[in-house]
Amino acid sequence: MNELLLPSNLIQGTQWDPDPRRSDWLKRLPSIVSDLAQRWDLELGDPYEPGGQCSWVAPARTRAGEALVLKVGWRHAEALHEADGLKYWDGNGVVRVHADHMLDDTIALLLERCEPGTGLCRLPEPDQDVVVCGLLPRLWREPADEHEFPSLHDMCNDWADGYQEKVAREGSQLDPGIARVGLELFRTLPASADRRVMLATDLHAENILAAQREVWLLIDPKPHVGDPVYDVLQHMLNCDRLFTEPVGLANTLASMLDLDPARLLAWLFARCVQESPGWRGMAEVATRLAP
């Protein structure tokens, strides 16, 4: 195959994750993609720009002419259960998996292609709300008792530990009392949920694409099991209204999804605290929302 083009975000991702194993994977990516193209007998197009930080994603076509997408990702914790989650939801508001293959450091997925594939992010935020609130309840199903999906509780504890390590190194913009309350909420809210369901955890307008089988389809979930209220947060964190009217935004979405607005505000406050070291503006929002 011709020289493999690398999307800009994937190249920049080495700055986000300086793991030398990831850099080695990026060097070997052309041969990995070539092997996968042969494995699934694919004709590949140029990768989507700007792409993601952890995966190479490009349009693909089978010998039979079926239009699909090849996603080749650096194997990391958040990506481990993507294929299983998509299979669990079985096309109900999400893209379908046609094939998947896991190597020591690579996760490859052959996915349904969304056409025209334009992102929901191009719509005004109130219109995004309608689509997001239509998709989320379709995902919130209770998995079987023997499921192997990771728990939201464990994820929140890991992220809280990461927050404390980062603040210990770099300091914090937040009042220590506000940070302490927010982090405690972030660790304890998962256990107080009245139900535990499948979550996408990364559902936002850039991960929802216009399609033909359904008007909108979700891509790139990070499946976990836990409190459905949490699953609204990523959309909120990607809204401009978060920085101008966070309480109004939370109340609007809670009403649309029939969720407890006080609980959604508590989750939002806790998540803004957790994100505050590396996300500009989150400390100010956390301070406004502090109980």
Protein backbone atom coordinates (compact mmCIF):
# COMPACT_ATOMS: atom_id res chain seq x y z
CA MET A 1 0.00 0.00 0.00
CA ASN A 2 1.05 3.65 -0.39
CA GLU A 3 2.69 5.56 2.44
CA LEU A 4 0.27 5.68 5.35
CA LEU A 5 -1.07 9.15 6.13
CA LEU A 6 -1.36 9.98 9.83
CA PRO A 7 -4.10 12.38 11.00
CA SER A 8 -2.93 15.39 12.98
CA ASN A 9 -4.53 14.43 16.31
CA LEU A 10 -2.92 11.01 16.25
CA ILE A 11 0.51 12.57 15.80
CA GLN A 12 -0.14 15.10 18.55
CA GLY A 13 -1.37 12.31 20.81
CA THR A 14 2.22 11.35 21.56
CA GLN A 15 2.43 14.59 23.57
CA TRP A 16 -0.72 13.63 25.50
CA ASP A 17 0.63 10.13 26.16
CA PRO A 18 4.46 10.01 26.06
CA ASP A 19 4.51 6.24 26.71
CA PRO A 20 7.44 4.95 24.57
CA ARG A 21 5.40 1.86 23.73
CA ARG A 22 2.82 4.11 22.09
CA SER A 23 5.52 5.82 20.03
CA ASP A 24 6.79 2.42 18.92
CA TRP A 25 3.22 1.42 17.99
CA LEU A 26 2.87 4.55 15.87
CA LYS A 27 6.04 3.64 13.97
CA ARG A 28 4.66 0.16 13.28
CA LEU A 29 1.18 1.41 12.40
CA PRO A 30 1.68 1.27 8.60
CA SER A 31 2.45 -2.45 8.71
CA ILE A 32 -0.41 -3.07 11.17
CA VAL A 33 -2.90 -1.31 8.89
CA SER A 34 -1.54 -3.18 5.87
CA ASP A 35 -1.96 -6.54 7.62
CA LEU A 36 -5.52 -5.68 8.62
CA ALA A 37 -6.40 -4.58 5.10
CA GLN A 38 -5.21 -7.96 3.86
CA ARG A 39 -6.97 -9.81 6.68
CA TRP A 40 -10.33 -8.30 5.82
CA ASP A 41 -9.65 -7.77 2.10
CA LEU A 42 -10.18 -4.00 2.23
CA GLU A 43 -9.53 -1.07 -0.02
CA LEU A 44 -8.71 1.89 2.22
CA GLY A 45 -9.12 5.63 1.78
CA ASP A 46 -7.25 8.43 3.52
CA PRO A 47 -7.86 8.71 7.28
CA TYR A 48 -10.41 11.13 8.65
CA GLU A 49 -9.02 14.47 9.80
CA PRO A 50 -8.25 15.63 12.42
CA GLY A 51 -9.00 12.17 13.79
CA GLY A 52 -8.56 10.93 17.34
CA GLN A 53 -5.52 10.90 19.58
CA CYS A 54 -5.40 7.14 20.02
CA SER A 55 -6.64 5.61 16.77
CA TRP A 56 -6.26 5.66 12.99
CA VAL A 57 -9.70 5.73 11.34
CA ALA A 58 -10.38 5.64 7.61
CA PRO A 59 -13.12 4.72 5.14
CA ALA A 60 -12.87 1.17 3.85
CA ARG A 61 -14.55 -0.86 1.14
CA THR A 62 -14.80 -4.63 0.96
CA ARG A 63 -14.27 -6.69 -2.18
CA ALA A 64 -18.08 -6.94 -2.38
CA GLY A 65 -18.31 -3.15 -2.40
CA GLU A 66 -19.67 -2.64 1.14
CA ALA A 67 -18.75 0.77 2.58
CA LEU A 68 -17.34 0.43 6.09
CA VAL A 69 -14.82 2.12 8.41
CA LEU A 70 -11.56 0.66 9.69
CA LYS A 71 -10.55 1.82 13.18
CA VAL A 72 -7.08 0.83 14.35
CA GLY A 73 -6.38 1.93 17.91
CA TRP A 74 -3.56 1.93 20.43
CA ARG A 75 -4.66 -0.54 23.07
CA HIS A 76 -5.41 1.33 26.28
CA ALA A 77 -7.85 0.86 29.14
CA GLU A 78 -10.63 3.11 27.84
CA ALA A 79 -10.73 1.29 24.47
CA LEU A 80 -10.81 -2.29 25.72
CA HIS A 81 -14.60 -2.71 25.80
CA GLU A 82 -15.69 -0.60 22.82
CA ALA A 83 -16.42 -3.58 20.56
CA ASP A 84 -18.24 -5.47 23.32
CA GLY A 85 -20.37 -2.43 24.11
CA LEU A 86 -21.30 -1.85 20.48
CA LYS A 87 -22.21 -5.53 20.13
CA TYR A 88 -24.30 -5.33 23.29
CA TRP A 89 -26.29 -2.38 21.94
CA ASP A 90 -26.52 -4.16 18.56
CA GLY A 91 -27.07 -1.11 16.38
CA ASN A 92 -29.69 0.46 18.66
CA GLY A 93 -28.57 4.07 18.24
CA VAL A 94 -24.94 3.04 17.70
CA VAL A 95 -22.79 1.94 14.77
CA ARG A 96 -22.62 -1.80 14.18
CA VAL A 97 -19.45 -3.89 14.45
CA HIS A 98 -18.76 -6.05 11.39
CA ALA A 99 -15.52 -7.54 12.73
CA ASP A 100 -12.96 -6.95 15.46
CA HIS A 101 -9.44 -8.15 16.17
CA MET A 102 -7.20 -7.60 19.18
CA LEU A 103 -3.40 -7.77 19.25
CA ASP A 104 -0.94 -7.16 22.09
CA ASP A 105 -0.96 -3.38 21.55
CA THR A 106 -3.71 -2.87 18.98
CA ILE A 107 -7.50 -2.99 18.87
CA ALA A 108 -8.96 -3.09 15.35
CA LEU A 109 -12.63 -2.63 14.51
CA LEU A 110 -14.41 -2.85 11.19
CA LEU A 111 -17.47 -0.66 11.63
CA GLU A 112 -20.61 0.45 9.88
CA ARG A 113 -19.97 3.66 7.97
CA CYS A 114 -22.11 6.68 8.79
CA GLU A 115 -23.09 8.59 5.66
CA PRO A 116 -23.04 11.53 5.21
CA GLY A 117 -21.17 11.34 8.52
CA THR A 118 -21.47 14.98 9.53
CA GLY A 119 -21.19 15.58 13.25
CA LEU A 120 -24.03 16.62 15.51
CA CYS A 121 -21.66 19.33 16.73
CA ARG A 122 -22.60 21.38 13.66
CA LEU A 123 -26.11 21.91 15.04
CA PRO A 124 -27.04 24.54 17.64
CA GLU A 125 -26.71 23.28 21.20
CA PRO A 126 -30.48 23.09 21.91
CA ASP A 127 -30.84 20.82 18.88
CA GLN A 128 -27.95 18.74 20.14
CA ASP A 129 -29.79 18.36 23.46
CA VAL A 130 -32.76 16.79 21.71
CA VAL A 131 -30.63 14.19 19.91
CA VAL A 132 -28.49 13.37 22.95
CA CYS A 133 -31.54 12.98 25.17
CA GLY A 134 -33.12 10.73 22.57
CA LEU A 135 -30.09 8.43 22.39
CA LEU A 136 -29.11 8.11 26.04
CA PRO A 137 -32.20 6.27 27.37
CA ARG A 138 -31.82 3.72 24.57
CA LEU A 139 -28.36 2.82 25.91
CA TRP A 140 -29.37 2.59 29.56
CA ARG A 141 -30.13 -1.11 29.83
CA GLU A 142 -29.17 -3.36 32.72
CA PRO A 143 -26.49 -5.84 31.65
CA ALA A 144 -26.58 -9.50 32.62
CA ASP A 145 -25.24 -10.37 36.07
CA GLU A 146 -22.17 -12.06 34.60
CA HIS A 147 -21.13 -9.08 32.45
CA GLU A 148 -17.44 -8.13 32.19
CA PHE A 149 -17.83 -4.38 31.64
CA PRO A 150 -15.87 -2.11 34.01
CA SER A 151 -17.71 -0.19 36.70
CA LEU A 152 -18.24 3.56 36.84
CA HIS A 153 -17.24 3.40 40.51
CA ASP A 154 -13.77 2.09 39.65
CA MET A 155 -13.33 4.64 36.87
CA CYS A 156 -14.22 7.53 39.18
CA ASN A 157 -11.80 6.30 41.85
CA ASP A 158 -9.03 6.04 39.26
CA TRP A 159 -9.74 9.54 37.96
CA ALA A 160 -9.89 10.94 41.50
CA ASP A 161 -6.49 9.39 42.22
CA GLY A 162 -5.18 10.96 39.02
CA TYR A 163 -6.52 14.35 40.11
CA GLN A 164 -4.73 14.13 43.45
CA GLU A 165 -1.45 13.12 41.81
CA LYS A 166 -1.67 15.97 39.31
CA VAL A 167 -2.50 18.56 41.97
CA ALA A 168 0.35 17.31 44.15
CA ARG A 169 2.73 17.96 41.23
CA GLU A 170 1.28 21.13 39.76
CA GLY A 171 -0.98 22.73 42.36
CA SER A 172 -4.64 23.69 42.03
CA GLN A 173 -6.68 26.75 41.10
CA LEU A 174 -9.47 25.64 43.41
CA ASP A 175 -10.14 26.49 47.02
CA PRO A 176 -8.98 23.39 48.96
CA GLY A 177 -12.35 23.04 50.67
CA ILE A 178 -14.25 23.07 47.38
CA ALA A 179 -11.81 20.58 45.89
CA ARG A 180 -12.15 18.25 48.88
CA VAL A 181 -15.96 18.24 48.71
CA GLY A 182 -16.00 17.74 44.95
CA LEU A 183 -13.53 14.88 45.01
CA GLU A 184 -15.40 13.15 47.82
CA LEU A 185 -18.60 13.39 45.78
CA PHE A 186 -16.83 12.03 42.73
CA ARG A 187 -15.76 8.97 44.71
CA THR A 188 -19.08 8.35 46.50
CA LEU A 189 -21.83 9.25 44.02
CA PRO A 190 -21.52 5.98 42.02
CA ALA A 191 -22.36 3.87 45.08
CA SER A 192 -25.54 5.82 45.86
CA ALA A 193 -27.17 5.29 42.47
CA ASP A 194 -30.61 3.65 42.53
CA ARG A 195 -29.85 1.69 39.35
CA ARG A 196 -26.82 0.55 37.39
CA VAL A 197 -27.03 0.43 33.63
CA MET A 198 -24.81 0.37 30.56
CA LEU A 199 -23.21 3.77 29.95
CA ALA A 200 -21.41 5.25 26.96
CA THR A 201 -19.51 7.69 29.29
CA ASP A 202 -18.18 9.66 26.29
CA LEU A 203 -21.38 10.65 24.52
CA HIS A 204 -21.10 14.15 23.09
CA ALA A 205 -21.94 15.89 19.84
CA GLU A 206 -18.63 15.11 18.12
CA ASN A 207 -19.25 11.39 18.70
CA ILE A 208 -22.71 11.42 17.11
CA LEU A 209 -22.78 11.28 13.31
CA ALA A 210 -25.49 11.69 10.68
CA ALA A 211 -26.31 8.35 9.08
CA GLN A 212 -28.81 6.56 6.86
CA ARG A 213 -29.93 3.54 8.89
CA GLU A 214 -30.87 6.01 11.61
CA VAL A 215 -30.73 9.79 11.45
CA TRP A 216 -27.97 9.86 14.10
CA LEU A 217 -25.63 7.13 15.35
CA LEU A 218 -23.20 7.07 18.27
CA ILE A 219 -19.54 6.20 17.71
CA ASP A 220 -16.59 5.68 20.05
CA PRO A 221 -18.31 4.73 23.34
CA LYS A 222 -16.29 3.95 26.46
CA PRO A 223 -18.68 1.42 28.05
CA HIS A 224 -19.01 1.21 31.82
CA VAL A 225 -21.81 0.14 34.15
CA GLY A 226 -23.21 2.54 36.70
CA ASP A 227 -25.38 5.57 37.42
CA PRO A 228 -27.22 6.82 34.30
CA VAL A 229 -27.09 10.40 35.59
CA TYR A 230 -23.34 10.40 35.00
CA ASP A 231 -23.80 9.73 31.29
CA VAL A 232 -25.14 13.24 30.64
CA LEU A 233 -21.93 14.93 31.75
CA GLN A 234 -19.75 14.63 28.67
CA HIS A 235 -22.32 16.41 26.53
CA MET A 236 -22.58 19.15 29.14
CA LEU A 237 -18.81 19.59 29.32
CA ASN A 238 -18.78 20.18 25.56
CA CYS A 239 -21.50 22.88 25.69
CA ASP A 240 -20.73 26.60 25.72
CA ARG A 241 -23.67 27.02 28.10
CA LEU A 242 -21.69 25.21 30.79
CA PHE A 243 -19.61 28.36 31.25
CA THR A 244 -22.50 30.83 31.12
CA GLU A 245 -25.50 29.04 32.67
CA PRO A 246 -24.44 25.70 34.20
CA VAL A 247 -27.45 25.41 36.51
CA GLY A 248 -29.89 26.16 33.72
CA LEU A 249 -28.19 23.64 31.44
CA ALA A 250 -28.35 20.94 34.11
CA ASN A 251 -32.01 21.65 34.86
CA THR A 252 -32.92 21.57 31.17
CA LEU A 253 -31.26 18.20 30.55
CA ALA A 254 -32.56 16.71 33.80
CA SER A 255 -36.09 17.64 32.76
CA MET A 256 -35.67 16.22 29.25
CA LEU A 257 -34.34 12.92 30.65
CA ASP A 258 -36.59 12.73 33.74
CA LEU A 259 -33.57 12.74 36.06
CA ASP A 260 -33.13 14.24 39.53
CA PRO A 261 -31.77 17.76 38.83
CA ALA A 262 -30.05 17.96 42.22
CA ARG A 263 -28.17 14.74 41.53
CA LEU A 264 -27.14 15.90 38.07
CA LEU A 265 -25.85 19.16 39.54
CA ALA A 266 -23.89 17.23 42.18
CA TRP A 267 -22.32 15.07 39.48
CA LEU A 268 -21.55 18.13 37.36
CA PHE A 269 -19.88 19.91 40.27
CA ALA A 270 -17.79 16.83 41.09
CA ARG A 271 -16.74 16.29 37.48
CA CYS A 272 -15.76 19.95 37.04
CA VAL A 273 -13.57 19.66 40.14
CA GLN A 274 -11.97 16.51 38.76
CA GLU A 275 -11.32 18.13 35.36
CA SER A 276 -10.15 21.47 36.74
CA PRO A 277 -6.36 20.90 36.67
CA GLY A 278 -6.18 20.47 32.91
CA TRP A 279 -9.35 22.00 31.45
CA ARG A 280 -9.52 25.76 31.25
CA GLY A 281 -12.59 27.26 32.88
CA MET A 282 -13.58 24.19 34.90
CA ALA A 283 -12.34 25.64 38.19
CA GLU A 284 -14.61 28.67 37.74
CA VAL A 285 -17.63 26.48 36.97
CA ALA A 286 -16.88 24.23 39.94
CA THR A 287 -16.69 27.27 42.20
CA ARG A 288 -20.07 28.52 40.94
CA LEU A 289 -21.65 25.12 41.52
CA ALA A 290 -20.07 24.41 44.91
CA PRO A 291 -22.67 23.51 47.57
